[in-house]
Amino acid sequence: MALKDERKIKKTESCPFQEAMDLISGKWTMSIINVLMGGKMRFKELERSVVGINTRMLVKELKQLEHKKIIDRTAFATMPPTVEYALTEKGERLKPVLTEIQVWAIKNMS
C-alpha cells in the first residue's frame, strides 16, 4: 500500500522539465517561436515564414501559444483587419534555448 501511495505522490508532483516540454511541445511551436525571434510579424508573414504549415494549424498553434503567454496578439481596427504577433517576455526568454538547439543541430546533423 505504501508503494501505491508513493506513486500517487510522484504523479502529482510537478517536474520543471516536463512542464517546460509541455509548454513547447507542439509540432509547430518551435518553428513559430523561431520565426518570431526576428521580431513581430503579421499573420500572413508568419504563414509564409513557417514552411509546411497550413492556415488552420497556424491559427490553432497561435491560439495555444497566446494562451500559454509565449506570444502576444495585437489586433488593429483597420480594413481589412490587421493582426500582429510578437514574443512576450516569457517567449523572449526562450531565445537562448532555441539558439543553443540550432547550434547543436548545425554541429551534429549531416
Protein backbone atom coordinates (compact mmCIF):
# COMPACT_ATOMS: atom_id res chain seq x y z
CA MET A 1 0.00 0.00 0.00
CA ALA A 2 2.85 2.39 0.77
CA LEU A 3 4.30 1.95 -2.73
CA LYS A 4 0.92 2.77 -4.31
CA ASP A 5 0.63 5.95 -2.21
CA GLU A 6 4.20 6.90 -3.18
CA ARG A 7 3.34 6.58 -6.90
CA LYS A 8 0.32 8.86 -6.47
CA ILE A 9 2.52 11.50 -4.86
CA LYS A 10 5.10 11.30 -7.64
CA LYS A 11 2.42 11.70 -10.32
CA THR A 12 1.04 14.85 -8.71
CA GLU A 13 4.41 16.49 -8.09
CA SER A 14 5.40 18.89 -10.82
CA CYS A 15 8.57 18.33 -12.77
CA PRO A 16 10.00 21.61 -14.15
CA PHE A 17 11.49 19.84 -17.17
CA GLN A 18 8.20 18.17 -18.07
CA GLU A 19 6.31 21.44 -17.61
CA ALA A 20 8.75 23.15 -19.99
CA MET A 21 8.41 20.36 -22.56
CA ASP A 22 4.61 20.54 -22.32
CA LEU A 23 4.83 24.28 -22.93
CA ILE A 24 6.84 23.99 -26.17
CA SER A 25 5.94 20.51 -27.38
CA GLY A 26 3.60 21.30 -30.28
CA LYS A 27 4.82 20.18 -33.72
CA TRP A 28 4.99 23.76 -34.99
CA THR A 29 5.65 25.58 -31.69
CA MET A 30 9.42 25.83 -32.01
CA SER A 31 9.21 26.87 -35.67
CA ILE A 32 6.77 29.67 -34.85
CA ILE A 33 8.86 30.89 -31.92
CA ASN A 34 11.98 30.72 -34.08
CA VAL A 35 10.38 32.90 -36.76
CA LEU A 36 9.12 35.39 -34.16
CA MET A 37 12.63 35.69 -32.70
CA GLY A 38 13.24 38.10 -35.58
CA GLY A 39 10.53 40.46 -34.32
CA LYS A 40 6.80 40.95 -34.60
CA MET A 41 5.03 39.73 -37.70
CA ARG A 42 1.62 39.88 -39.28
CA PHE A 43 -0.36 36.68 -39.75
CA LYS A 44 0.33 36.31 -43.49
CA GLU A 45 4.05 36.93 -42.94
CA LEU A 46 4.06 34.15 -40.35
CA GLU A 47 2.14 31.85 -42.65
CA ARG A 48 4.73 32.35 -45.39
CA SER A 49 7.67 32.02 -42.98
CA VAL A 50 6.71 28.77 -41.25
CA VAL A 51 7.38 26.31 -44.06
CA GLY A 52 4.87 23.47 -44.39
CA ILE A 53 2.19 24.74 -42.00
CA ASN A 54 -1.37 25.24 -43.19
CA THR A 55 -3.61 28.15 -42.17
CA ARG A 56 -5.81 26.11 -39.86
CA MET A 57 -2.86 24.65 -37.97
CA LEU A 58 -1.16 28.03 -37.69
CA VAL A 59 -4.31 29.55 -36.16
CA LYS A 60 -4.54 26.66 -33.69
CA GLU A 61 -0.88 26.89 -32.67
CA LEU A 62 -1.00 30.68 -32.32
CA LYS A 63 -4.03 30.41 -30.03
CA GLN A 64 -2.25 27.86 -27.87
CA LEU A 65 0.92 29.95 -27.69
CA GLU A 66 -1.12 33.02 -26.78
CA HIS A 67 -2.95 31.03 -24.08
CA LYS A 68 0.44 29.87 -22.71
CA LYS A 69 1.59 33.53 -22.75
CA ILE A 70 4.50 32.79 -25.10
CA ILE A 71 3.25 35.18 -27.78
CA ASP A 72 1.18 38.33 -27.76
CA ARG A 73 -1.54 39.02 -30.34
CA THR A 74 -2.35 42.63 -31.22
CA ALA A 75 -5.37 43.32 -33.42
CA PHE A 76 -5.74 46.66 -35.21
CA ALA A 77 -9.10 48.12 -36.23
CA THR A 78 -8.27 48.51 -39.91
CA MET A 79 -9.95 47.33 -43.07
CA PRO A 80 -9.09 44.58 -43.69
CA PRO A 81 -8.30 43.72 -40.06
CA THR A 82 -4.60 43.57 -39.23
CA VAL A 83 -3.16 41.27 -36.57
CA GLU A 84 0.44 41.21 -35.36
CA TYR A 85 2.16 38.56 -33.28
CA ALA A 86 5.24 39.01 -31.12
CA LEU A 87 7.03 37.11 -28.40
CA THR A 88 6.11 38.05 -24.86
CA GLU A 89 8.78 38.47 -22.18
CA LYS A 90 8.26 34.78 -21.35
CA GLY A 91 8.72 33.93 -25.04
CA GLU A 92 11.82 36.11 -25.32
CA ARG A 93 13.42 34.04 -22.54
CA LEU A 94 13.24 31.02 -24.88
CA LYS A 95 15.63 32.65 -27.37
CA PRO A 96 18.86 31.33 -25.80
CA VAL A 97 17.36 27.84 -25.62
CA LEU A 98 16.41 27.83 -29.30
CA THR A 99 19.74 29.33 -30.27
CA GLU A 100 21.59 26.53 -28.46
CA ILE A 101 19.39 23.91 -30.13
CA GLN A 102 20.21 25.45 -33.52
CA VAL A 103 23.94 25.46 -32.73
CA TRP A 104 23.72 21.82 -31.65
CA ALA A 105 21.80 20.90 -34.83
CA ILE A 106 24.37 22.62 -37.07
CA LYS A 107 27.24 20.79 -35.36
CA ASN A 108 25.58 17.38 -35.17
CA MET A 109 23.28 16.98 -38.16
CA SER A 110 24.54 15.93 -41.55
